Amino acid sequence: MPRSSTTAQLTMAQRIASVAMGVVLIGVFAWVGYAALNPQPSPLQEALRSLASSNEDDSTAAAAYTDAFDASYRPDAGVGNVAIAAVYYTPQVQAALNALPKKSAHQDELASVLDQEGANDQALAFYTMIDSVVSQVGIDLAAAASLTDGDGRSYALMSSRPIYALLPQPEGQVRTTTVLFFAATADDGTAFSRQTVSELTLTVRDVADIPERRFRWDLRLVP
């Protein structure tokens, strides 16, 4: 076979291989991008949604609550043997919870506590969850937590309310939930407003040997 013909065949084969490799790489990058944009909920997040089976008769309300909850859900980095996560109960998340036609015992107690403490009226409400395989005796989130906005203003803790109705939890796992209520007026006298505040950060310090855990909400992106 002439050398020119062999060279042409090799060149064509190389081009085909390059195209095939490019298709594979595009597929890999697309999958990685999809996974990053659509992360699978953690077992704790699934438990925290706590959608009662009775809500299946109104899938629209259940889906609205799940979507709002997930958009405001913030986990920590999973360091150590105590995991903490938080949900900022914005007006939309709270409204979606209230709209569930038949709530689980956990949801019902949470909705009642949010209402009693004036969430999104007198207070900013943060639903916090601790997940561990060790005893949680001695952990006091109220003493460990602080709230600041993007301009450095602080919001004083007003109250802390545990939710006693249990979440689903596997054997050997300990899950507790507490709602932290912070003043809706900053330490400098500025009233909180989503028109002027673009970010909130809940900081939890010195829990389970972790010096600091930060949970941030860009208020332009949460419901």
Protein backbone atom coordinates (compact mmCIF):
# COMPACT_ATOMS: atom_id res chain seq x y z
CA MET A 1 0.00 0.00 0.00
CA PRO A 2 1.39 3.43 -0.89
CA ARG A 3 2.77 5.43 2.01
CA SER A 4 0.48 8.41 1.22
CA SER A 5 -2.59 6.15 1.51
CA THR A 6 -1.38 4.72 4.82
CA THR A 7 -0.69 8.22 6.14
CA ALA A 8 -4.19 9.37 5.13
CA GLN A 9 -5.78 6.39 6.89
CA LEU A 10 -3.78 7.06 10.05
CA THR A 11 -4.76 10.72 9.96
CA MET A 12 -8.43 9.80 9.55
CA ALA A 13 -8.20 7.29 12.40
CA GLN A 14 -6.60 9.90 14.63
CA ARG A 15 -9.35 12.38 13.81
CA ILE A 16 -12.05 9.81 14.60
CA ALA A 17 -10.33 8.98 17.89
CA SER A 18 -10.05 12.67 18.77
CA VAL A 19 -13.74 13.25 18.05
CA ALA A 20 -14.71 10.20 20.09
CA MET A 21 -12.56 11.36 23.00
CA GLY A 22 -14.10 14.83 22.78
CA VAL A 23 -17.60 13.36 22.94
CA VAL A 24 -16.62 11.30 25.99
CA LEU A 25 -15.10 14.33 27.74
CA ILE A 26 -18.15 16.47 26.97
CA GLY A 27 -20.32 13.74 28.45
CA VAL A 28 -18.16 13.56 31.58
CA PHE A 29 -18.17 17.34 32.06
CA ALA A 30 -21.92 17.48 31.49
CA TRP A 31 -22.51 14.78 34.11
CA VAL A 32 -20.21 16.49 36.62
CA GLY A 33 -21.97 19.80 35.98
CA TYR A 34 -25.38 18.19 36.42
CA ALA A 35 -24.28 16.54 39.65
CA ALA A 36 -22.96 19.84 40.98
CA LEU A 37 -26.14 21.71 40.12
CA ASN A 38 -28.43 18.89 41.27
CA PRO A 39 -26.80 17.43 44.39
CA GLN A 40 -28.52 14.44 45.91
CA PRO A 41 -30.09 15.22 49.28
CA SER A 42 -28.27 13.74 52.25
CA PRO A 43 -30.07 11.23 54.51
CA LEU A 44 -30.32 13.99 57.12
CA GLN A 45 -31.82 16.40 54.59
CA GLU A 46 -34.37 13.78 53.56
CA ALA A 47 -35.31 13.28 57.21
CA LEU A 48 -35.55 17.00 57.82
CA ARG A 49 -38.02 17.49 55.01
CA SER A 50 -40.20 15.13 57.03
CA LEU A 51 -43.04 15.11 54.52
CA ALA A 52 -45.77 12.99 56.10
CA SER A 53 -47.26 10.29 53.88
CA SER A 54 -50.64 11.93 54.46
CA ASN A 55 -49.44 14.85 52.32
CA GLU A 56 -49.29 12.65 49.24
CA ASP A 57 -52.92 13.53 48.55
CA ASP A 58 -51.75 17.09 47.77
CA SER A 59 -48.55 16.72 45.78
CA THR A 60 -48.52 20.41 44.82
CA ALA A 61 -48.32 21.61 48.44
CA ALA A 62 -45.78 18.91 49.33
CA ALA A 63 -43.57 19.77 46.36
CA ALA A 64 -43.76 23.50 47.15
CA TYR A 65 -42.61 22.88 50.72
CA THR A 66 -39.81 20.52 49.66
CA ASP A 67 -38.53 23.02 47.06
CA ALA A 68 -38.63 25.96 49.49
CA PHE A 69 -37.02 23.90 52.27
CA ASP A 70 -34.21 22.63 50.02
CA ALA A 71 -33.44 26.13 48.72
CA SER A 72 -32.91 27.36 52.29
CA TYR A 73 -31.15 24.24 53.64
CA ARG A 74 -27.48 24.69 54.61
CA PRO A 75 -25.34 21.76 55.89
CA ASP A 76 -21.95 22.05 57.51
CA ALA A 77 -18.87 20.43 56.01
CA GLY A 78 -19.53 17.14 57.81
CA VAL A 79 -16.38 17.40 59.89
CA GLY A 80 -16.13 15.38 63.10
CA ASN A 81 -18.73 13.11 64.65
CA VAL A 82 -21.39 15.81 65.09
CA ALA A 83 -23.08 17.25 61.99
CA ILE A 84 -25.11 20.45 62.08
CA ALA A 85 -27.45 21.86 59.45
CA ALA A 86 -29.69 24.90 59.36
CA VAL A 87 -32.71 26.21 57.47
CA TYR A 88 -33.60 29.89 57.41
CA TYR A 89 -37.39 29.89 57.64
CA THR A 90 -38.11 32.77 55.30
CA PRO A 91 -41.72 33.90 54.82
CA GLN A 92 -42.01 31.62 51.77
CA VAL A 93 -40.66 28.54 53.58
CA GLN A 94 -42.94 29.22 56.53
CA ALA A 95 -45.95 29.77 54.25
CA ALA A 96 -45.20 26.52 52.39
CA LEU A 97 -45.07 24.67 55.71
CA ASN A 98 -48.37 26.20 56.83
CA ALA A 99 -49.96 25.25 53.50
CA LEU A 100 -49.40 21.51 54.00
CA PRO A 101 -52.93 20.11 54.43
CA LYS A 102 -51.93 17.34 56.83
CA LYS A 103 -48.69 17.87 58.73
CA SER A 104 -46.53 15.32 60.49
CA ALA A 105 -46.28 15.74 64.27
CA HIS A 106 -42.87 17.35 63.77
CA GLN A 107 -44.15 19.77 61.15
CA ASP A 108 -47.19 20.65 63.24
CA GLU A 109 -45.08 21.48 66.31
CA LEU A 110 -42.61 23.46 64.21
CA ALA A 111 -45.38 25.52 62.57
CA SER A 112 -46.84 26.27 66.00
CA VAL A 113 -43.48 27.36 67.45
CA LEU A 114 -42.76 29.63 64.47
CA ASP A 115 -46.13 31.29 64.93
CA GLN A 116 -45.78 31.66 68.71
CA GLU A 117 -42.38 33.35 68.45
CA GLY A 118 -43.39 35.75 65.68
CA ALA A 119 -41.19 34.36 62.90
CA ASN A 120 -40.77 36.85 60.03
CA ASP A 121 -42.49 39.51 62.07
CA GLN A 122 -40.68 40.12 65.35
CA ALA A 123 -37.94 37.55 64.73
CA LEU A 124 -35.70 35.82 62.17
CA ALA A 125 -36.10 32.07 62.56
CA PHE A 126 -33.39 29.44 61.98
CA TYR A 127 -34.33 25.79 62.28
CA THR A 128 -31.17 23.94 63.36
CA MET A 129 -30.52 20.23 63.44
CA ILE A 130 -27.79 18.22 65.13
CA ASP A 131 -27.05 14.71 63.89
CA SER A 132 -24.59 12.53 65.78
CA VAL A 133 -23.62 9.05 66.91
CA VAL A 134 -22.49 10.38 70.28
CA SER A 135 -24.28 11.97 73.20
CA GLN A 136 -25.36 15.56 72.67
CA VAL A 137 -25.43 16.37 76.37
CA GLY A 138 -23.65 19.69 76.90
CA ILE A 139 -24.30 21.06 73.40
CA ASP A 140 -26.06 24.42 73.69
CA LEU A 141 -26.68 25.98 70.28
CA ALA A 142 -28.24 29.06 71.84
CA ALA A 143 -24.94 29.85 73.55
CA ALA A 144 -22.86 28.90 70.51
CA ALA A 145 -24.77 30.68 67.73
CA SER A 146 -24.63 34.25 66.43
CA LEU A 147 -26.21 35.99 63.44
CA THR A 148 -24.71 38.72 61.28
CA ASP A 149 -25.55 40.28 57.92
CA GLY A 150 -23.36 41.16 54.96
CA ASP A 151 -22.65 44.62 56.37
CA GLY A 152 -21.37 43.26 59.67
CA ARG A 153 -24.43 44.10 61.75
CA SER A 154 -25.33 41.64 64.52
CA TYR A 155 -28.79 40.41 65.49
CA ALA A 156 -29.34 39.42 69.12
CA LEU A 157 -30.67 35.99 70.04
CA MET A 158 -34.20 36.35 71.42
CA SER A 159 -35.15 32.77 72.23
CA SER A 160 -34.41 29.11 71.58
CA ARG A 161 -37.15 26.51 71.20
CA PRO A 162 -36.54 22.76 70.90
CA ILE A 163 -38.89 20.71 68.73
CA TYR A 164 -39.79 17.63 70.74
CA ALA A 165 -41.60 15.59 68.09
CA LEU A 166 -38.86 13.33 66.75
CA LEU A 167 -37.60 13.13 63.21
CA PRO A 168 -37.00 9.74 61.56
CA GLN A 169 -33.62 8.44 62.69
CA PRO A 170 -31.73 5.16 62.24
CA GLU A 171 -30.79 3.01 65.20
CA GLY A 172 -27.77 4.40 66.99
CA GLN A 173 -28.25 7.86 65.51
CA VAL A 174 -29.21 10.91 67.59
CA ARG A 175 -31.09 13.74 65.89
CA THR A 176 -32.31 16.84 67.70
CA THR A 177 -33.84 20.03 66.37
CA THR A 178 -33.98 23.53 67.81
CA VAL A 179 -35.33 26.78 66.38
CA LEU A 180 -33.23 29.86 67.10
CA PHE A 181 -35.02 33.20 67.00
CA PHE A 182 -32.99 36.37 66.46
CA ALA A 183 -34.22 39.94 66.75
CA ALA A 184 -35.48 41.46 63.50
CA THR A 185 -33.63 44.65 64.43
CA ALA A 186 -29.83 44.82 64.28
CA ASP A 187 -27.61 45.94 67.12
CA ASP A 188 -27.30 49.41 65.57
CA GLY A 189 -31.07 49.86 65.51
CA THR A 190 -31.51 49.07 61.80
CA ALA A 191 -34.67 47.08 61.09
CA PHE A 192 -34.04 43.96 59.01
CA SER A 193 -35.27 44.19 55.43
CA ARG A 194 -34.55 41.97 52.46
CA GLN A 195 -34.54 45.11 50.33
CA THR A 196 -31.42 46.37 52.12
CA VAL A 197 -29.79 43.19 53.49
CA SER A 198 -28.31 40.86 50.88
CA GLU A 199 -26.72 38.17 53.07
CA LEU A 200 -27.16 36.50 56.45
CA THR A 201 -24.60 34.30 58.20
CA LEU A 202 -25.35 32.01 61.12
CA THR A 203 -22.13 31.12 62.94
CA VAL A 204 -21.87 28.24 65.43
CA ARG A 205 -18.69 28.22 67.49
CA ASP A 206 -16.93 25.55 69.55
CA VAL A 207 -19.36 22.66 69.18
CA ALA A 208 -17.88 19.15 69.22
CA ASP A 209 -14.29 20.42 68.87
CA ILE A 210 -15.05 22.38 65.68
CA PRO A 211 -13.95 26.01 66.25
CA GLU A 212 -16.43 27.53 63.81
CA ARG A 213 -19.19 26.51 61.41
CA ARG A 214 -20.73 29.09 59.10
CA PHE A 215 -24.06 28.87 57.31
CA ARG A 216 -24.62 31.59 54.70
CA TRP A 217 -27.73 32.67 52.80
CA ASP A 218 -27.57 34.96 49.79
CA LEU A 219 -31.00 36.55 50.17
CA ARG A 220 -31.18 37.22 46.45
CA LEU A 221 -31.22 33.48 45.83
CA VAL A 222 -33.34 32.03 48.63
CA PRO A 223 -37.15 32.02 48.50
